[in-house]
């Protein structure tokens, strides 16, 4: 009886020490996410032809879109459930592979379950004439923010 009690007590003690040891070691390592910076350079406006550039899709999760009149930066996150749509140049649209949402070249949703258009990020020119994207500045079409300064660059 005595040995059962000692064994039972030691087992509980080891479990409790393991739990608290796990919690303690968790605090020894910082909660760090290694993501690209939210503000980055993308080159000069003349570096981009009319159309959609997918150069920064994987690294920074943005598309650079140039029209005859302006350049704007679209988020690569579908507004339905957060998947990454693909740019289909032949159809001139972004198509989400997860649930079929479709977005026009300007980011407006026109098919599928996406409840709203893609978001635009802030874009500006620095002193040297290079474009800077700031993903901490978000413009939404449903809030009538796409016409605001910083949501696009006139070319």
N, C-alpha and C. Protein backbone atom coordinates (compact mmCIF):
# COMPACT_ATOMS: atom_id res chain seq x y z
N UNK A 1 0.81 -1.19 0.00
CA UNK A 1 0.00 0.00 0.00
C UNK A 1 0.86 1.27 0.00
N UNK A 2 1.90 1.20 0.82
CA UNK A 2 2.79 2.35 0.92
C UNK A 2 3.49 2.62 -0.42
N UNK A 3 3.94 1.54 -1.09
CA UNK A 3 4.64 1.71 -2.36
C UNK A 3 3.70 2.23 -3.45
N UNK A 4 2.45 1.82 -3.42
CA UNK A 4 1.47 2.34 -4.38
C UNK A 4 1.27 3.85 -4.19
N UNK A 5 1.18 4.25 -2.93
CA UNK A 5 1.00 5.66 -2.62
C UNK A 5 2.22 6.48 -3.06
N UNK A 6 3.41 5.98 -2.82
CA UNK A 6 4.63 6.68 -3.21
C UNK A 6 4.72 6.76 -4.73
N UNK A 7 4.44 5.65 -5.41
CA UNK A 7 4.49 5.65 -6.88
C UNK A 7 3.46 6.61 -7.46
N UNK A 8 2.27 6.59 -6.94
CA UNK A 8 1.20 7.49 -7.39
C UNK A 8 1.60 8.94 -7.17
N UNK A 9 2.16 9.25 -6.02
CA UNK A 9 2.58 10.62 -5.70
C UNK A 9 3.70 11.08 -6.63
N UNK A 10 4.69 10.21 -6.87
CA UNK A 10 5.78 10.58 -7.76
C UNK A 10 5.28 10.80 -9.19
N UNK A 11 4.38 10.00 -9.63
CA UNK A 11 3.83 10.15 -10.99
C UNK A 11 3.14 11.51 -11.13
N UNK A 12 2.35 11.87 -10.15
CA UNK A 12 1.69 13.17 -10.18
C UNK A 12 2.70 14.31 -10.11
N UNK A 13 3.71 14.15 -9.28
CA UNK A 13 4.74 15.16 -9.15
C UNK A 13 5.46 15.37 -10.50
N UNK A 14 5.80 14.29 -11.18
CA UNK A 14 6.50 14.38 -12.47
C UNK A 14 5.62 15.06 -13.51
N UNK A 15 4.34 14.74 -13.52
CA UNK A 15 3.42 15.37 -14.47
C UNK A 15 3.32 16.88 -14.21
N UNK A 16 3.19 17.25 -12.95
CA UNK A 16 3.08 18.67 -12.60
C UNK A 16 4.36 19.41 -12.95
N UNK A 17 5.52 18.83 -12.66
CA UNK A 17 6.80 19.45 -12.99
C UNK A 17 6.93 19.61 -14.51
N UNK A 18 6.51 18.61 -15.26
CA UNK A 18 6.58 18.68 -16.73
C UNK A 18 5.69 19.81 -17.26
N UNK A 19 4.49 19.94 -16.71
CA UNK A 19 3.58 20.99 -17.16
C UNK A 19 4.16 22.37 -16.84
N UNK A 20 4.57 22.57 -15.61
CA UNK A 20 5.13 23.87 -15.24
C UNK A 20 6.46 24.12 -15.94
N UNK A 21 7.25 23.08 -16.17
CA UNK A 21 8.49 23.23 -16.91
C UNK A 21 8.23 23.65 -18.35
N UNK A 22 7.18 23.11 -18.95
CA UNK A 22 6.80 23.51 -20.31
C UNK A 22 6.38 24.96 -20.36
N UNK A 23 5.58 25.37 -19.39
CA UNK A 23 5.17 26.78 -19.34
C UNK A 23 6.37 27.70 -19.14
N UNK A 24 7.28 27.29 -18.28
CA UNK A 24 8.44 28.12 -18.00
C UNK A 24 9.33 28.25 -19.25
N UNK A 25 9.61 27.14 -19.92
CA UNK A 25 10.46 27.21 -21.11
C UNK A 25 9.79 27.99 -22.23
N UNK A 26 8.48 28.02 -22.27
CA UNK A 26 7.77 28.82 -23.28
C UNK A 26 8.12 30.30 -23.15
N UNK A 27 8.31 30.77 -21.95
CA UNK A 27 8.65 32.18 -21.72
C UNK A 27 10.11 32.49 -22.02
N UNK A 28 10.93 31.48 -22.19
CA UNK A 28 12.34 31.71 -22.53
C UNK A 28 12.52 32.07 -24.00
N UNK A 29 11.53 31.72 -24.83
CA UNK A 29 11.63 31.98 -26.26
C UNK A 29 10.61 33.04 -26.66
N UNK A 30 11.05 34.11 -27.31
CA UNK A 30 10.12 35.19 -27.66
C UNK A 30 9.12 34.75 -28.74
N UNK A 31 8.00 35.40 -28.74
CA UNK A 31 6.94 35.14 -29.70
C UNK A 31 7.22 35.99 -30.94
N UNK A 32 8.05 35.51 -31.84
CA UNK A 32 8.51 36.29 -32.98
C UNK A 32 7.98 35.68 -34.27
N UNK A 33 7.52 36.55 -35.14
CA UNK A 33 7.11 36.12 -36.47
C UNK A 33 8.07 36.78 -37.46
N UNK A 34 8.62 35.98 -38.33
CA UNK A 34 9.55 36.49 -39.31
C UNK A 34 8.79 36.76 -40.60
N UNK A 35 8.36 37.99 -40.77
CA UNK A 35 7.61 38.41 -41.94
C UNK A 35 8.34 39.57 -42.60
N UNK A 36 8.09 39.75 -43.89
CA UNK A 36 8.72 40.90 -44.54
C UNK A 36 8.20 42.20 -43.94
N UNK A 37 8.95 43.28 -44.07
CA UNK A 37 8.50 44.56 -43.50
C UNK A 37 7.21 45.03 -44.17
N UNK A 38 6.43 45.82 -43.45
CA UNK A 38 5.16 46.30 -44.00
C UNK A 38 5.39 47.49 -44.94
N UNK A 39 6.58 48.04 -44.93
CA UNK A 39 6.92 49.17 -45.80
C UNK A 39 8.14 48.77 -46.63
N UNK A 40 8.02 48.85 -47.97
CA UNK A 40 9.11 48.41 -48.84
C UNK A 40 9.06 49.14 -50.17
N UNK A 41 10.20 49.17 -50.85
CA UNK A 41 10.33 49.83 -52.16
C UNK A 41 10.01 48.84 -53.27
N UNK A 42 9.39 49.36 -54.33
CA UNK A 42 9.06 48.50 -55.47
C UNK A 42 9.61 49.03 -56.79
N UNK A 43 10.41 50.05 -56.76
CA UNK A 43 11.00 50.59 -57.98
C UNK A 43 10.32 51.86 -58.45
N UNK A 44 10.69 52.28 -59.65
CA UNK A 44 10.14 53.51 -60.22
C UNK A 44 8.91 53.20 -61.06
N UNK A 45 8.02 54.17 -61.21
CA UNK A 45 6.80 53.93 -62.00
C UNK A 45 7.08 53.49 -63.42
N UNK A 46 8.14 53.99 -64.01
CA UNK A 46 8.45 53.62 -65.40
C UNK A 46 8.94 52.17 -65.53
N UNK A 47 9.22 51.51 -64.41
CA UNK A 47 9.62 50.11 -64.43
C UNK A 47 8.44 49.18 -64.72
N UNK A 48 7.22 49.70 -64.65
CA UNK A 48 6.02 48.87 -64.78
C UNK A 48 5.26 49.20 -66.06
N UNK A 49 4.91 48.15 -66.79
CA UNK A 49 4.08 48.29 -67.98
C UNK A 49 2.62 48.27 -67.57
N UNK A 50 1.74 48.68 -68.46
CA UNK A 50 0.30 48.61 -68.18
C UNK A 50 -0.07 47.15 -67.98
N UNK A 51 -0.72 46.86 -66.88
CA UNK A 51 -1.10 45.49 -66.55
C UNK A 51 -0.84 45.19 -65.09
N UNK A 52 -0.80 43.91 -64.77
CA UNK A 52 -0.63 43.45 -63.39
C UNK A 52 0.75 42.82 -63.24
N UNK A 53 1.50 43.28 -62.26
CA UNK A 53 2.80 42.69 -61.95
C UNK A 53 2.64 41.77 -60.74
N UNK A 54 3.08 40.52 -60.91
CA UNK A 54 3.00 39.54 -59.82
C UNK A 54 4.36 39.36 -59.14
N UNK A 55 5.28 40.28 -59.39
CA UNK A 55 6.65 40.18 -58.87
C UNK A 55 6.69 40.09 -57.34
N UNK A 56 5.80 40.77 -56.65
CA UNK A 56 5.81 40.80 -55.18
C UNK A 56 4.72 39.95 -54.55
N UNK A 57 4.11 39.06 -55.32
CA UNK A 57 3.02 38.24 -54.80
C UNK A 57 3.47 37.32 -53.67
N UNK A 58 4.55 36.58 -53.87
CA UNK A 58 5.00 35.63 -52.85
C UNK A 58 5.73 36.31 -51.70
N UNK A 59 6.61 37.23 -52.02
CA UNK A 59 7.45 37.84 -50.98
C UNK A 59 6.69 38.80 -50.09
N UNK A 60 5.84 39.67 -50.70
CA UNK A 60 5.18 40.72 -49.92
C UNK A 60 3.66 40.67 -49.98
N UNK A 61 3.09 39.69 -50.67
CA UNK A 61 1.63 39.50 -50.76
C UNK A 61 0.92 40.71 -51.35
N UNK A 62 1.46 41.25 -52.44
CA UNK A 62 0.81 42.35 -53.14
C UNK A 62 0.94 42.17 -54.65
N UNK A 63 0.00 42.76 -55.37
CA UNK A 63 0.08 42.90 -56.82
C UNK A 63 0.23 44.38 -57.12
N UNK A 64 1.06 44.70 -58.09
CA UNK A 64 1.20 46.08 -58.54
C UNK A 64 0.42 46.18 -59.85
N UNK A 65 -0.56 47.08 -59.89
CA UNK A 65 -1.41 47.23 -61.07
C UNK A 65 -1.17 48.61 -61.66
N UNK A 66 -0.86 48.63 -62.95
CA UNK A 66 -0.68 49.90 -63.64
C UNK A 66 -1.70 50.00 -64.76
N UNK A 67 -2.41 51.12 -64.77
CA UNK A 67 -3.34 51.43 -65.85
C UNK A 67 -2.73 52.58 -66.64
N UNK A 68 -3.45 53.10 -67.59
CA UNK A 68 -2.96 54.24 -68.37
C UNK A 68 -2.80 55.48 -67.50
N UNK A 69 -3.61 55.58 -66.43
CA UNK A 69 -3.64 56.80 -65.62
C UNK A 69 -3.01 56.68 -64.24
N UNK A 70 -2.94 55.44 -63.69
CA UNK A 70 -2.51 55.32 -62.29
C UNK A 70 -1.85 53.99 -62.00
N UNK A 71 -1.19 53.95 -60.83
CA UNK A 71 -0.61 52.72 -60.29
C UNK A 71 -1.19 52.55 -58.90
N UNK A 72 -1.65 51.34 -58.61
CA UNK A 72 -2.13 51.04 -57.26
C UNK A 72 -1.66 49.66 -56.85
N UNK A 73 -1.71 49.38 -55.56
CA UNK A 73 -1.20 48.14 -55.00
C UNK A 73 -2.36 47.40 -54.34
N UNK A 74 -2.60 46.17 -54.81
CA UNK A 74 -3.70 45.36 -54.29
C UNK A 74 -3.18 44.28 -53.35
N UNK A 75 -3.96 43.97 -52.34
CA UNK A 75 -3.67 42.86 -51.44
C UNK A 75 -3.92 41.55 -52.17
N UNK A 76 -3.12 40.52 -51.88
CA UNK A 76 -3.32 39.21 -52.48
C UNK A 76 -4.18 38.31 -51.60
N UNK A 77 -4.92 38.90 -50.67
CA UNK A 77 -5.76 38.11 -49.76
C UNK A 77 -7.21 38.24 -50.17
N UNK A 78 -7.83 37.11 -50.48
CA UNK A 78 -9.24 37.10 -50.85
C UNK A 78 -10.08 37.55 -49.66
N UNK A 79 -11.07 38.36 -49.93
CA UNK A 79 -11.90 38.90 -48.84
C UNK A 79 -12.96 37.91 -48.38
N UNK A 80 -13.00 36.72 -48.96
CA UNK A 80 -13.94 35.71 -48.49
C UNK A 80 -13.38 34.99 -47.27
N UNK A 81 -12.34 34.17 -47.48
CA UNK A 81 -11.76 33.43 -46.36
C UNK A 81 -10.24 33.52 -46.29
N UNK A 82 -9.64 34.45 -47.04
CA UNK A 82 -8.22 34.70 -46.91
C UNK A 82 -7.29 33.87 -47.79
N UNK A 83 -7.81 33.15 -48.75
CA UNK A 83 -6.94 32.43 -49.68
C UNK A 83 -6.24 33.43 -50.60
N UNK A 84 -5.32 32.94 -51.40
CA UNK A 84 -4.61 33.81 -52.34
C UNK A 84 -5.10 33.56 -53.75
N UNK A 85 -5.81 34.52 -54.34
CA UNK A 85 -6.25 34.37 -55.73
C UNK A 85 -5.06 34.37 -56.69
N UNK A 86 -5.31 33.92 -57.90
CA UNK A 86 -4.30 33.92 -58.96
C UNK A 86 -4.70 34.94 -60.01
N UNK A 87 -3.71 35.58 -60.62
CA UNK A 87 -3.97 36.50 -61.72
C UNK A 87 -4.04 35.68 -63.00
N UNK A 88 -5.15 35.79 -63.72
CA UNK A 88 -5.35 35.10 -64.99
C UNK A 88 -5.27 36.14 -66.10
N UNK A 89 -4.11 36.30 -66.73
CA UNK A 89 -3.95 37.36 -67.73
C UNK A 89 -4.87 37.21 -68.93
N UNK A 90 -5.14 35.99 -69.36
CA UNK A 90 -6.00 35.79 -70.53
C UNK A 90 -7.43 36.28 -70.27
N UNK A 91 -7.86 36.15 -69.02
CA UNK A 91 -9.22 36.56 -68.66
C UNK A 91 -9.27 37.94 -68.01
N UNK A 92 -8.08 38.52 -67.75
CA UNK A 92 -7.99 39.84 -67.11
C UNK A 92 -8.73 39.88 -65.78
N UNK A 93 -8.49 38.85 -64.93
CA UNK A 93 -9.15 38.83 -63.62
C UNK A 93 -8.31 38.04 -62.62
N UNK A 94 -8.61 38.27 -61.35
CA UNK A 94 -8.04 37.49 -60.27
C UNK A 94 -9.08 36.44 -59.91
N UNK A 95 -8.66 35.19 -59.77
CA UNK A 95 -9.59 34.11 -59.47
C UNK A 95 -9.08 33.35 -58.26
N UNK A 96 -9.93 33.24 -57.24
CA UNK A 96 -9.56 32.54 -56.02
C UNK A 96 -9.78 31.04 -56.21
N UNK A 97 -8.75 30.23 -55.99
CA UNK A 97 -8.88 28.79 -56.20
C UNK A 97 -9.68 28.08 -55.10
N UNK A 98 -9.87 28.72 -53.97
CA UNK A 98 -10.55 28.05 -52.85
C UNK A 98 -12.06 27.95 -53.05
N UNK A 99 -12.71 29.06 -53.35
CA UNK A 99 -14.17 29.06 -53.44
C UNK A 99 -14.70 29.77 -54.67
N UNK A 100 -13.82 30.13 -55.60
CA UNK A 100 -14.26 30.66 -56.88
C UNK A 100 -14.57 32.14 -56.96
N UNK A 101 -14.16 32.92 -55.97
CA UNK A 101 -14.39 34.36 -56.07
C UNK A 101 -13.57 34.94 -57.21
N UNK A 102 -14.18 35.88 -57.93
CA UNK A 102 -13.49 36.54 -59.02
C UNK A 102 -13.42 38.03 -58.76
N UNK A 103 -12.28 38.62 -59.12
CA UNK A 103 -12.05 40.05 -58.92
C UNK A 103 -11.55 40.63 -60.23
N UNK A 104 -12.08 41.79 -60.59
CA UNK A 104 -11.61 42.50 -61.78
C UNK A 104 -10.21 43.04 -61.53
N UNK A 105 -9.57 43.56 -62.57
CA UNK A 105 -8.20 44.07 -62.45
C UNK A 105 -8.10 45.20 -61.43
N UNK A 106 -9.18 45.93 -61.21
CA UNK A 106 -9.14 47.01 -60.20
C UNK A 106 -9.41 46.49 -58.80
N UNK A 107 -9.70 45.19 -58.64
CA UNK A 107 -9.92 44.60 -57.33
C UNK A 107 -11.37 44.43 -56.94
N UNK A 108 -12.29 44.87 -57.78
CA UNK A 108 -13.72 44.78 -57.46
C UNK A 108 -14.18 43.34 -57.66
N UNK A 109 -14.90 42.82 -56.66
CA UNK A 109 -15.42 41.46 -56.74
C UNK A 109 -16.65 41.42 -57.65
N UNK A 110 -16.71 40.41 -58.51
CA UNK A 110 -17.85 40.32 -59.41
C UNK A 110 -18.43 38.92 -59.51
N UNK A 111 -17.77 37.92 -58.89
CA UNK A 111 -18.34 36.58 -58.88
C UNK A 111 -17.87 35.85 -57.63
N UNK A 112 -18.68 34.88 -57.24
CA UNK A 112 -18.32 34.06 -56.09
C UNK A 112 -18.75 34.66 -54.77
N UNK A 113 -18.32 34.03 -53.69
CA UNK A 113 -18.80 34.43 -52.35
C UNK A 113 -18.07 35.60 -51.70
N UNK A 114 -17.04 36.15 -52.33
CA UNK A 114 -16.32 37.26 -51.70
C UNK A 114 -17.28 38.41 -51.41
N UNK A 115 -17.33 38.87 -50.17
CA UNK A 115 -18.31 39.90 -49.80
C UNK A 115 -17.93 41.33 -50.20
N UNK A 116 -16.65 41.55 -50.50
CA UNK A 116 -16.22 42.92 -50.82
C UNK A 116 -14.97 42.87 -51.69
N UNK A 117 -14.60 43.99 -52.29
CA UNK A 117 -13.41 44.04 -53.14
C UNK A 117 -12.11 43.82 -52.36
N UNK A 118 -11.05 43.56 -53.12
CA UNK A 118 -9.73 43.45 -52.51
C UNK A 118 -9.33 44.79 -51.91
N UNK A 119 -8.44 44.74 -50.93
CA UNK A 119 -7.97 45.97 -50.31
C UNK A 119 -6.79 46.54 -51.08
N UNK A 120 -6.67 47.85 -51.03
CA UNK A 120 -5.51 48.54 -51.61
C UNK A 120 -4.62 49.01 -50.48
N UNK A 121 -3.31 49.00 -50.75
CA UNK A 121 -2.35 49.49 -49.77
C UNK A 121 -1.82 50.85 -50.19
N UNK A 122 -1.33 51.58 -49.23
CA UNK A 122 -0.78 52.90 -49.50
C UNK A 122 0.45 52.83 -50.38
N UNK A 123 0.53 53.74 -51.33
CA UNK A 123 1.69 53.81 -52.22
C UNK A 123 2.06 55.28 -52.39
N UNK A 124 3.36 55.57 -52.36
CA UNK A 124 3.83 56.94 -52.48
C UNK A 124 5.19 56.95 -53.16
N UNK A 125 5.65 58.14 -53.51
CA UNK A 125 6.98 58.31 -54.10
C UNK A 125 7.92 58.89 -53.06
N UNK A 126 9.15 58.40 -53.05
CA UNK A 126 10.15 58.99 -52.14
C UNK A 126 10.90 60.10 -52.87
N UNK A 127 11.93 60.63 -52.25
CA UNK A 127 12.69 61.75 -52.81
C UNK A 127 13.42 61.41 -54.10
N UNK A 128 13.73 60.14 -54.29
CA UNK A 128 14.49 59.70 -55.46
C UNK A 128 13.56 59.29 -56.61
N UNK A 129 12.26 59.28 -56.37
CA UNK A 129 11.31 58.90 -57.40
C UNK A 129 10.94 57.43 -57.39
N UNK A 130 11.32 56.70 -56.33
CA UNK A 130 10.94 55.29 -56.22
C UNK A 130 9.64 55.17 -55.45
N UNK A 131 8.85 54.17 -55.83
CA UNK A 131 7.57 53.93 -55.14
C UNK A 131 7.80 53.16 -53.86
N UNK A 132 7.07 53.55 -52.84
CA UNK A 132 7.12 52.88 -51.55
C UNK A 132 5.72 52.39 -51.22
N UNK A 133 5.61 51.10 -50.91
CA UNK A 133 4.34 50.52 -50.51
C UNK A 133 4.31 50.46 -49.00
N UNK A 134 3.20 50.86 -48.41
CA UNK A 134 3.02 50.79 -46.96
C UNK A 134 1.77 49.96 -46.68
N UNK A 135 1.98 48.70 -46.27
CA UNK A 135 0.86 47.80 -46.02
C UNK A 135 0.12 48.12 -44.73
N UNK A 136 0.67 49.03 -43.92
CA UNK A 136 -0.05 49.42 -42.71
C UNK A 136 -1.16 50.43 -43.02
N UNK A 137 -1.15 50.96 -44.25
CA UNK A 137 -2.19 51.89 -44.68
C UNK A 137 -3.10 51.14 -45.65
N UNK A 138 -4.34 50.92 -45.25
CA UNK A 138 -5.27 50.11 -46.05
C UNK A 138 -6.43 50.99 -46.52
N UNK A 139 -6.76 50.84 -47.80
CA UNK A 139 -7.88 51.57 -48.39
C UNK A 139 -8.92 50.57 -48.85
N UNK A 140 -10.19 50.82 -48.48
CA UNK A 140 -11.29 49.92 -48.86
C UNK A 140 -12.25 50.65 -49.78
N UNK A 141 -12.66 49.95 -50.83
CA UNK A 141 -13.57 50.54 -51.81
C UNK A 141 -14.95 50.79 -51.22
N UNK A 142 -15.42 49.88 -50.37
CA UNK A 142 -16.77 50.04 -49.81
C UNK A 142 -16.86 51.23 -48.85
N UNK A 143 -15.75 51.75 -48.43
CA UNK A 143 -15.72 52.96 -47.59
C UNK A 143 -15.40 54.20 -48.43
N UNK A 144 -15.41 54.03 -49.74
CA UNK A 144 -15.11 55.12 -50.68
C UNK A 144 -13.72 55.69 -50.45
N UNK A 145 -12.73 54.81 -50.16
CA UNK A 145 -11.38 55.27 -49.87
C UNK A 145 -10.43 55.13 -51.06
N UNK A 146 -10.86 54.51 -52.14
CA UNK A 146 -9.96 54.29 -53.27
C UNK A 146 -9.62 55.58 -54.00
N UNK A 147 -10.36 56.64 -53.79
CA UNK A 147 -10.05 57.91 -54.43
C UNK A 147 -9.18 58.81 -53.58
N UNK A 148 -8.90 58.40 -52.37
CA UNK A 148 -8.11 59.23 -51.46
C UNK A 148 -6.64 59.28 -51.86
N UNK A 149 -5.96 60.36 -51.52
CA UNK A 149 -4.52 60.44 -51.79
C UNK A 149 -3.80 59.32 -51.04
N UNK A 150 -2.85 58.71 -51.72
CA UNK A 150 -2.09 57.60 -51.14
C UNK A 150 -2.60 56.23 -51.55
N UNK A 151 -3.84 56.17 -52.04
CA UNK A 151 -4.37 54.87 -52.48
C UNK A 151 -3.92 54.53 -53.90
N UNK A 152 -3.37 55.49 -54.58
CA UNK A 152 -2.86 55.28 -55.95
C UNK A 152 -1.85 56.38 -56.27
N UNK A 153 -1.10 56.15 -57.33
CA UNK A 153 -0.18 57.17 -57.86
C UNK A 153 -0.62 57.52 -59.26
N UNK A 154 -0.80 58.78 -59.54
CA UNK A 154 -1.12 59.21 -60.90
C UNK A 154 0.13 59.14 -61.74
N UNK A 155 -0.01 58.61 -62.97
CA UNK A 155 1.15 58.55 -63.89
C UNK A 155 0.87 59.30 -65.16
